[in-house]
Protein backbone atom coordinates (compact mmCIF):
# COMPACT_ATOMS: atom_id res chain seq x y z
CA LEU A 1 38.59 19.78 -206.18
CA PHE A 2 41.08 19.09 -208.95
CA CYS A 3 40.56 18.59 -212.70
CA ILE A 4 43.11 18.10 -215.49
CA LEU A 5 42.50 19.96 -218.76
CA MET A 6 44.52 18.56 -221.66
CA CYS A 7 44.90 20.42 -224.94
CA ARG A 8 46.87 19.24 -227.97
CA MET A 9 49.98 21.28 -227.08
CA SER A 10 49.42 22.36 -223.47
CA SER A 11 47.99 21.17 -220.16
CA PHE A 12 46.21 22.87 -217.25
CA ALA A 13 44.82 22.05 -213.81
CA LEU A 14 41.52 23.41 -212.53
CA TYR A 15 41.31 23.88 -208.76
CA ARG A 16 38.32 24.87 -206.63
CA GLY A 17 38.58 25.97 -203.03
CA SER A 18 34.88 26.86 -202.79
CA SER A 19 31.92 27.43 -205.11
CA ALA A 20 33.13 30.99 -205.68
CA ASP A 21 36.84 30.21 -205.92
CA TRP A 22 38.03 28.65 -209.22
CA GLN A 23 41.61 28.77 -210.43
CA VAL A 24 43.23 27.49 -213.65
CA VAL A 25 46.95 26.74 -213.34
CA ARG A 26 49.12 25.93 -216.35
CA LEU A 27 51.04 22.67 -215.90
CA SER A 28 52.94 22.85 -219.18
CA ALA A 29 52.96 25.28 -222.10
CA ASN A 30 54.28 22.63 -224.51
CA THR A 31 53.04 19.22 -223.35
CA GLY A 32 49.53 18.07 -224.23
CA ALA A 33 47.68 14.85 -224.96
CA THR A 34 47.05 13.14 -228.27
CA GLU A 35 43.33 12.61 -228.81
CA TYR A 36 41.85 9.34 -227.42
CA THR A 37 44.94 8.47 -225.32
CA LEU A 38 44.19 10.17 -221.97
CA GLN A 39 43.32 7.80 -219.12
CA SER A 40 43.16 8.04 -215.35
CA PHE A 41 45.72 5.57 -214.02
CA GLY A 42 46.55 6.69 -210.49
CA SER A 43 47.54 9.93 -212.20
CA PRO A 44 46.59 10.97 -215.75
CA ILE A 45 48.58 9.04 -218.37
CA PHE A 46 48.59 9.93 -222.06
CA MET A 47 50.58 10.04 -225.30
CA ASP A 48 52.07 13.30 -226.53
CA ASP A 49 54.74 14.39 -229.03
CA ARG A 50 57.52 13.02 -226.81
CA GLY A 51 55.97 9.61 -226.22
CA VAL A 52 53.82 8.23 -223.41
CA THR A 53 54.00 10.21 -220.20
CA ASN A 54 52.07 11.18 -217.07
CA ILE A 55 51.48 14.38 -215.16
CA GLN A 56 54.23 13.68 -212.59
CA ALA A 57 56.82 13.24 -215.35
CA VAL A 58 55.69 16.46 -217.03
CA GLN A 59 55.97 18.40 -213.76
CA GLU A 60 59.37 16.87 -212.96
CA TYR A 61 61.05 17.07 -216.38
CA GLY A 62 58.97 19.67 -218.21
CA ASN A 63 59.03 19.86 -222.01
CA PHE A 64 61.82 17.33 -222.56
CA LYS A 65 62.16 13.83 -223.97
CA ALA A 66 63.01 12.73 -220.41
CA ASN A 67 59.35 13.01 -219.46
CA SER A 68 58.55 9.94 -221.59
CA ILE A 69 57.96 6.77 -219.56
CA ALA A 70 58.04 4.63 -222.71
CA SER A 71 61.45 5.51 -224.13
CA PRO A 72 62.43 1.84 -224.77
CA VAL A 73 59.70 1.64 -227.43
CA ALA A 74 60.06 5.21 -228.73
CA PRO A 75 60.64 4.20 -232.40
CA PHE A 76 57.39 2.19 -232.41
CA ILE A 77 55.44 5.05 -230.80
CA ASP A 78 56.94 7.59 -233.21
CA SER A 79 55.78 5.53 -236.19
CA LYS A 80 52.21 5.23 -234.84
CA ARG A 81 51.63 8.60 -233.14
CA SER A 82 49.18 9.95 -235.74
CA LEU A 83 47.22 6.65 -235.81
CA ALA A 84 45.92 6.53 -232.20
CA VAL A 85 42.17 5.84 -232.09
CA ALA A 86 41.52 4.58 -228.53
CA SER A 87 43.05 3.68 -225.18
CA SER A 88 42.11 1.68 -222.11
CA VAL A 89 43.35 0.78 -218.64
CA TRP A 90 43.16 -2.41 -216.58
CA ARG A 91 43.84 -1.12 -213.08
CA GLU A 92 43.79 -4.52 -211.40
CA LYS A 93 46.66 -5.74 -213.63
CA GLY A 94 48.41 -2.38 -214.00
CA ILE A 95 47.97 -2.29 -217.79
CA TYR A 96 47.61 0.77 -220.05
CA ARG A 97 46.97 0.24 -223.77
CA ILE A 98 46.90 2.51 -226.81
CA TYR A 99 45.18 1.23 -229.98
CA PHE A 100 46.10 2.36 -233.50
CA SER A 101 44.06 2.46 -236.70
CA ASP A 102 46.35 0.00 -238.54
CA GLY A 103 45.47 -2.81 -236.10
CA TYR A 104 48.49 -2.48 -233.82
CA ALA A 105 48.32 -1.68 -230.12
CA LEU A 106 50.90 -0.91 -227.44
CA SER A 107 50.37 -2.56 -224.06
CA MET A 108 52.30 -1.18 -221.09
CA THR A 109 52.36 -3.06 -217.77
CA PHE A 110 53.39 -1.32 -214.56
CA TYR A 111 54.55 -3.60 -211.76
CA ARG A 112 56.54 -3.53 -208.53
CA ASP A 113 59.97 -5.18 -208.81
CA ALA A 114 60.33 -7.32 -205.67
CA ALA A 115 64.14 -7.43 -205.97
CA THR A 116 64.74 -3.68 -206.21
CA GLY A 117 61.52 -2.36 -204.70
CA ARG A 118 61.18 -0.01 -207.67
CA ASN A 119 58.31 0.37 -210.10
CA SER A 120 59.17 -1.24 -213.44
CA LEU A 121 57.58 -1.25 -216.84
CA GLY A 122 57.05 -3.93 -219.47
CA PHE A 123 55.95 -3.41 -223.09
CA THR A 124 54.12 -5.63 -225.57
CA ARG A 125 53.04 -4.92 -229.13
CA LEU A 126 49.70 -6.39 -230.19
CA LEU A 127 48.22 -6.83 -233.67
CA TYR A 128 44.46 -7.27 -234.10
CA PRO A 129 43.06 -8.94 -237.27
CA ASP A 130 40.40 -6.22 -237.34
CA PRO A 131 41.62 -2.84 -236.03
CA VAL A 132 40.16 -1.44 -232.81
CA ALA A 133 37.89 1.58 -233.33
CA CYS A 134 36.96 2.38 -229.71
CA ALA A 135 37.60 0.93 -226.24
CA CYS A 136 36.39 1.22 -222.67
CA SER A 137 37.15 -0.09 -219.20
CA CYS A 138 34.35 -0.61 -216.70
CA GLU A 139 33.28 -2.51 -213.60
CA LEU A 140 30.45 -5.03 -213.46
CA ASN A 141 27.88 -5.13 -210.64
CA SER A 142 29.90 -8.01 -209.21
CA GLY A 143 32.91 -5.71 -208.87
CA GLU A 144 34.83 -7.47 -211.65
CA GLU A 145 36.83 -5.10 -213.85
CA VAL A 146 36.37 -5.72 -217.59
CA GLN A 147 37.55 -4.15 -220.85
CA TYR A 148 35.63 -4.03 -224.13
CA PHE A 149 36.54 -2.73 -227.57
CA GLY A 150 34.62 -2.07 -230.74
CA SER A 151 36.26 -3.17 -233.98
CA THR A 152 36.14 -1.82 -237.53
CA ASN A 153 34.21 -4.98 -238.53
CA GLY A 154 31.23 -3.78 -236.47
CA MET A 155 31.72 -6.30 -233.65
CA VAL A 156 32.23 -5.66 -229.92
CA TYR A 157 34.77 -7.85 -228.11
CA ARG A 158 35.73 -8.45 -224.49
CA GLN A 159 39.46 -7.92 -224.05
CA ASP A 160 41.67 -10.51 -222.29
CA TYR A 161 38.92 -13.09 -221.94
CA GLY A 162 38.75 -16.67 -223.15
CA THR A 163 41.29 -18.77 -225.06
CA SER A 164 40.69 -17.63 -228.64
CA PHE A 165 40.06 -14.56 -230.75
CA ASP A 166 36.34 -14.96 -231.48
CA GLY A 167 36.91 -18.67 -232.13
CA GLU A 168 40.18 -18.23 -234.05
CA ALA A 169 43.54 -19.29 -232.68
CA LEU A 170 45.66 -16.63 -231.00
CA ARG A 171 49.00 -16.21 -232.74
CA ALA A 172 51.97 -15.30 -230.54
CA LYS A 173 55.73 -15.10 -230.91
CA LEU A 174 58.46 -14.95 -228.27
CA THR A 175 61.86 -13.61 -229.36
CA MET A 176 64.69 -14.16 -226.91
CA HIS A 177 67.77 -11.96 -226.58
CA TYR A 178 70.13 -12.92 -229.43
CA ASN A 179 73.25 -13.03 -227.26
CA ILE A 180 71.96 -14.22 -223.89
CA LEU A 181 74.70 -16.90 -223.61
CA ARG A 182 77.54 -14.53 -224.56
CA LYS A 183 80.53 -15.64 -226.67
CA LYS A 184 78.52 -15.59 -229.89
CA LYS A 185 81.48 -16.96 -231.92
CA ASN A 186 81.47 -20.24 -229.95
CA LYS A 187 79.24 -23.08 -231.13
CA LYS A 188 76.88 -24.17 -228.38
CA ARG A 189 74.53 -27.07 -227.82
CA ILE A 190 71.61 -26.68 -225.43
CA ILE A 191 70.47 -29.98 -223.96
CA LYS A 192 67.78 -28.79 -221.57
CA VAL A 193 65.61 -25.71 -221.20
CA VAL A 194 63.61 -24.90 -218.09
CA ALA A 195 61.19 -21.99 -218.36
CA GLU A 196 60.31 -20.12 -215.17
CA ILE A 197 57.16 -18.15 -215.88
CA GLU A 198 54.95 -15.98 -213.70
CA ALA A 199 51.57 -15.36 -215.30
CA GLY A 200 48.00 -14.84 -214.25
CA GLY A 201 44.85 -16.31 -215.75
CA GLY A 202 45.08 -19.03 -218.34
CA THR A 203 48.42 -18.14 -219.88
């Protein structure tokens, strides 16, 4: 048997060969999990002082910034680290989320890149009108995976369901790369735009 024990500044593994044989092995003397961010996602994933990481990255890189799997959004994580109040996973979609007390959340999506065959990572920042206070992921009797969160307004919501936020319109913004067409000094006129989008559900 195998159990991960996460402290604030260290991490351990508990092994059992038999009922009389227990062994605690230190994984890292300096890497631990921030409260409310630890989730089982294939392997344990969590936020620590160097960002968001998992056990494999800790074992491979040790107590270094390199063990962060969310380095592209490090400034955002650094500004929110002390505000984490909950986390959740959506295994079917490969999504891990951390919720913060100021209403923001970080959503990380793990997916397989068909072109390179490598695992890739996408990031999205979310802002909830009423901050999330707690969250959970569970499976219904039908086998459907669902996520719920409790808000500071006393309500419980189902995550990623429906076409509105409790009846209110969902606000979204898409910012494209500022220099995608190169030659930024040249004046350009775009006469046609074709969007190729891959999305599940009712996006």
